[in-house]
Amino acid sequence: MPTAQHHVPRLRRVYEPPEPADGTRILVDRLWPRGLAKAVAGVDEWPRELTPSNELRRWYHGPEGEWSEFRRRYEAELAAPAAAEALDRLRGLTAAGPVTLLTAVKEPERSHASILRDQLGSG
């Protein structure tokens, strides 16, 4: 029996205009992006249970914050039941068609969004 093909999610800044190739657009930030109208953003889903906790975000952006430790802690948060359920739902979306993870951070590749993309690709 053939297995479902999973599309690797795209990673984009939410401030970039939507493109047809985006497919399902999923905002993966806890807070709505400053100054962006919902009608312009074209966000289809906003699963807040997949975003880093406030405590983890504060730690990472503080003086002690370090990428590999942030990754380890965030992956542990993604294993919690509510996050794991939301992650499974997103895996289903990636099996159904193109998905784009949206974030307001300036460097998406060094953010929780890239870790989330990696988790979706490994499921």
C-alpha atoms as a PDB file:
ATOM      1  CA  MET A   1       0.000   0.000   0.000  1.00  0.00           C
ATOM      2  CA  PRO A   2       1.522   3.379  -0.968  1.00  0.00           C
ATOM      3  CA  THR A   3       2.215   5.871   1.791  1.00  0.00           C
ATOM      4  CA  ALA A   4       0.879   9.405   1.695  1.00  0.00           C
ATOM      5  CA  GLN A   5       3.318  11.919   0.280  1.00  0.00           C
ATOM      6  CA  HIS A   6       4.066  14.734   2.700  1.00  0.00           C
ATOM      7  CA  HIS A   7       4.850  18.152   1.319  1.00  0.00           C
ATOM      8  CA  VAL A   8       7.724  19.889   3.098  1.00  0.00           C
ATOM      9  CA  PRO A   9       6.225  23.091   4.520  1.00  0.00           C
ATOM     10  CA  ARG A  10       7.498  26.412   3.218  1.00  0.00           C
ATOM     11  CA  LEU A  11       8.747  28.935   5.737  1.00  0.00           C
ATOM     12  CA  ARG A  12       7.923  32.611   5.110  1.00  0.00           C
ATOM     13  CA  ARG A  13       7.555  35.897   6.909  1.00  0.00           C
ATOM     14  CA  VAL A  14       3.906  36.734   7.443  1.00  0.00           C
ATOM     15  CA  TYR A  15       4.537  40.275   6.146  1.00  0.00           C
ATOM     16  CA  GLU A  16       5.305  38.940   2.649  1.00  0.00           C
ATOM     17  CA  PRO A  17       2.249  38.932   0.366  1.00  0.00           C
ATOM     18  CA  PRO A  18       0.437  35.600  -0.031  1.00  0.00           C
ATOM     19  CA  GLU A  19       1.363  33.519  -3.086  1.00  0.00           C
ATOM     20  CA  PRO A  20      -0.673  30.756  -4.756  1.00  0.00           C
ATOM     21  CA  ALA A  21       2.151  28.266  -4.030  1.00  0.00           C
ATOM     22  CA  ASP A  22       1.688  28.854  -0.284  1.00  0.00           C
ATOM     23  CA  GLY A  23      -1.239  26.457  -0.065  1.00  0.00           C
ATOM     24  CA  THR A  24      -2.610  26.449   3.498  1.00  0.00           C
ATOM     25  CA  ARG A  25      -1.101  29.414   5.370  1.00  0.00           C
ATOM     26  CA  ILE A  26      -0.473  28.741   9.054  1.00  0.00           C
ATOM     27  CA  LEU A  27       0.612  31.444  11.497  1.00  0.00           C
ATOM     28  CA  VAL A  28       2.924  29.868  14.074  1.00  0.00           C
ATOM     29  CA  ASP A  29       3.455  32.907  16.342  1.00  0.00           C
ATOM     30  CA  ARG A  30       1.727  33.296  19.706  1.00  0.00           C
ATOM     31  CA  LEU A  31       0.875  36.968  19.102  1.00  0.00           C
ATOM     32  CA  TRP A  32      -0.761  38.462  16.022  1.00  0.00           C
ATOM     33  CA  PRO A  33       1.872  40.336  13.941  1.00  0.00           C
ATOM     34  CA  ARG A  34       2.010  44.030  14.758  1.00  0.00           C
ATOM     35  CA  GLY A  35       0.453  46.311  12.150  1.00  0.00           C
ATOM     36  CA  LEU A  36      -0.865  43.513   9.907  1.00  0.00           C
ATOM     37  CA  ALA A  37      -4.558  43.429   9.027  1.00  0.00           C
ATOM     38  CA  LYS A  38      -6.127  39.974   9.179  1.00  0.00           C
ATOM     39  CA  ALA A  39      -7.671  40.479   5.736  1.00  0.00           C
ATOM     40  CA  VAL A  40      -4.227  41.171   4.223  1.00  0.00           C
ATOM     41  CA  ALA A  41      -2.393  38.339   6.020  1.00  0.00           C
ATOM     42  CA  GLY A  42      -4.349  35.522   4.385  1.00  0.00           C
ATOM     43  CA  VAL A  43      -3.899  33.230   7.401  1.00  0.00           C
ATOM     44  CA  ASP A  44      -5.905  29.998   7.240  1.00  0.00           C
ATOM     45  CA  GLU A  45      -4.956  28.556  10.651  1.00  0.00           C
ATOM     46  CA  TRP A  46      -3.437  29.902  13.869  1.00  0.00           C
ATOM     47  CA  PRO A  47      -2.634  26.982  16.218  1.00  0.00           C
ATOM     48  CA  ARG A  48      -1.316  28.795  19.310  1.00  0.00           C
ATOM     49  CA  GLU A  49      -0.687  25.482  21.092  1.00  0.00           C
ATOM     50  CA  LEU A  50       2.277  24.994  18.730  1.00  0.00           C
ATOM     51  CA  THR A  51       3.996  28.229  19.710  1.00  0.00           C
ATOM     52  CA  PRO A  52       6.779  28.401  22.308  1.00  0.00           C
ATOM     53  CA  SER A  53       5.598  29.227  25.816  1.00  0.00           C
ATOM     54  CA  ASN A  54       5.977  32.810  27.019  1.00  0.00           C
ATOM     55  CA  GLU A  55       8.625  31.612  29.477  1.00  0.00           C
ATOM     56  CA  LEU A  56      10.655  29.928  26.754  1.00  0.00           C
ATOM     57  CA  ARG A  57      10.401  32.946  24.438  1.00  0.00           C
ATOM     58  CA  ARG A  58      11.568  35.294  27.212  1.00  0.00           C
ATOM     59  CA  TRP A  59      14.476  32.987  28.087  1.00  0.00           C
ATOM     60  CA  TYR A  60      15.600  32.647  24.448  1.00  0.00           C
ATOM     61  CA  HIS A  61      15.555  36.409  23.840  1.00  0.00           C
ATOM     62  CA  GLY A  62      17.322  37.114  27.131  1.00  0.00           C
ATOM     63  CA  PRO A  63      21.042  37.024  27.924  1.00  0.00           C
ATOM     64  CA  GLU A  64      21.056  33.257  28.644  1.00  0.00           C
ATOM     65  CA  GLY A  65      19.245  32.275  25.431  1.00  0.00           C
ATOM     66  CA  GLU A  66      21.126  29.826  23.208  1.00  0.00           C
ATOM     67  CA  TRP A  67      19.887  28.166  19.982  1.00  0.00           C
ATOM     68  CA  SER A  68      20.565  24.471  20.640  1.00  0.00           C
ATOM     69  CA  GLU A  69      19.101  24.646  24.159  1.00  0.00           C
ATOM     70  CA  PHE A  70      16.091  26.583  22.845  1.00  0.00           C
ATOM     71  CA  ARG A  71      15.579  23.838  20.250  1.00  0.00           C
ATOM     72  CA  ARG A  72      15.742  21.116  22.918  1.00  0.00           C
ATOM     73  CA  ARG A  73      13.271  22.916  25.203  1.00  0.00           C
ATOM     74  CA  TYR A  74      10.867  23.756  22.381  1.00  0.00           C
ATOM     75  CA  GLU A  75      10.878  20.152  21.127  1.00  0.00           C
ATOM     76  CA  ALA A  76       9.989  19.085  24.673  1.00  0.00           C
ATOM     77  CA  GLU A  77       7.058  21.538  24.649  1.00  0.00           C
ATOM     78  CA  LEU A  78       5.900  20.106  21.309  1.00  0.00           C
ATOM     79  CA  ALA A  79       5.663  16.666  22.940  1.00  0.00           C
ATOM     80  CA  ALA A  80       2.936  17.891  25.345  1.00  0.00           C
ATOM     81  CA  PRO A  81      -0.508  16.413  24.512  1.00  0.00           C
ATOM     82  CA  ALA A  82      -2.179  19.578  23.117  1.00  0.00           C
ATOM     83  CA  ALA A  83       0.857  20.441  20.981  1.00  0.00           C
ATOM     84  CA  ALA A  84       1.294  16.840  19.786  1.00  0.00           C
ATOM     85  CA  GLU A  85      -2.356  16.761  18.704  1.00  0.00           C
ATOM     86  CA  ALA A  86      -1.985  20.043  16.797  1.00  0.00           C
ATOM     87  CA  LEU A  87       1.249  18.762  15.217  1.00  0.00           C
ATOM     88  CA  ASP A  88      -0.574  15.636  14.006  1.00  0.00           C
ATOM     89  CA  ARG A  89      -3.266  17.844  12.471  1.00  0.00           C
ATOM     90  CA  LEU A  90      -0.608  19.848  10.604  1.00  0.00           C
ATOM     91  CA  ARG A  91       0.996  16.621   9.397  1.00  0.00           C
ATOM     92  CA  GLY A  92      -2.382  15.757   7.897  1.00  0.00           C
ATOM     93  CA  LEU A  93      -2.445  19.108   6.110  1.00  0.00           C
ATOM     94  CA  THR A  94       1.061  18.518   4.698  1.00  0.00           C
ATOM     95  CA  ALA A  95      -0.138  15.166   3.365  1.00  0.00           C
ATOM     96  CA  ALA A  96      -3.097  16.860   1.676  1.00  0.00           C
ATOM     97  CA  GLY A  97      -1.197  19.655  -0.085  1.00  0.00           C
ATOM     98  CA  PRO A  98       1.220  22.555   0.202  1.00  0.00           C
ATOM     99  CA  VAL A  99       1.556  24.259   3.587  1.00  0.00           C
ATOM    100  CA  THR A 100       3.372  27.469   4.501  1.00  0.00           C
ATOM    101  CA  LEU A 101       4.400  28.269   8.071  1.00  0.00           C
ATOM    102  CA  LEU A 102       4.228  32.002   8.713  1.00  0.00           C
ATOM    103  CA  THR A 103       6.122  33.979  11.324  1.00  0.00           C
ATOM    104  CA  ALA A 104       6.864  37.631  12.012  1.00  0.00           C
ATOM    105  CA  VAL A 105      10.459  36.984  13.130  1.00  0.00           C
ATOM    106  CA  LYS A 106      13.187  38.549  11.005  1.00  0.00           C
ATOM    107  CA  GLU A 107      15.187  35.303  10.675  1.00  0.00           C
ATOM    108  CA  PRO A 108      12.704  32.439  10.223  1.00  0.00           C
ATOM    109  CA  GLU A 109      15.514  29.866   9.827  1.00  0.00           C
ATOM    110  CA  ARG A 110      16.747  30.647  13.368  1.00  0.00           C
ATOM    111  CA  SER A 111      13.334  30.536  14.992  1.00  0.00           C
ATOM    112  CA  HIS A 112      10.754  28.150  16.375  1.00  0.00           C
ATOM    113  CA  ALA A 113       9.178  28.056  12.896  1.00  0.00           C
ATOM    114  CA  SER A 114      12.164  26.181  11.431  1.00  0.00           C
ATOM    115  CA  ILE A 115      12.056  23.680  14.317  1.00  0.00           C
ATOM    116  CA  LEU A 116       8.351  23.188  13.702  1.00  0.00           C
ATOM    117  CA  ARG A 117       9.005  22.614   9.981  1.00  0.00           C
ATOM    118  CA  ASP A 118      11.627  19.994  10.899  1.00  0.00           C
ATOM    119  CA  GLN A 119       9.152  18.266  13.230  1.00  0.00           C
ATOM    120  CA  LEU A 120       6.526  18.168  10.481  1.00  0.00           C
ATOM    121  CA  GLY A 121       9.014  16.663   8.072  1.00  0.00           C
ATOM    122  CA  SER A 122      10.037  13.923  10.501  1.00  0.00           C
ATOM    123  CA  GLY A 123       6.541  12.655  11.281  1.00  0.00           C
END
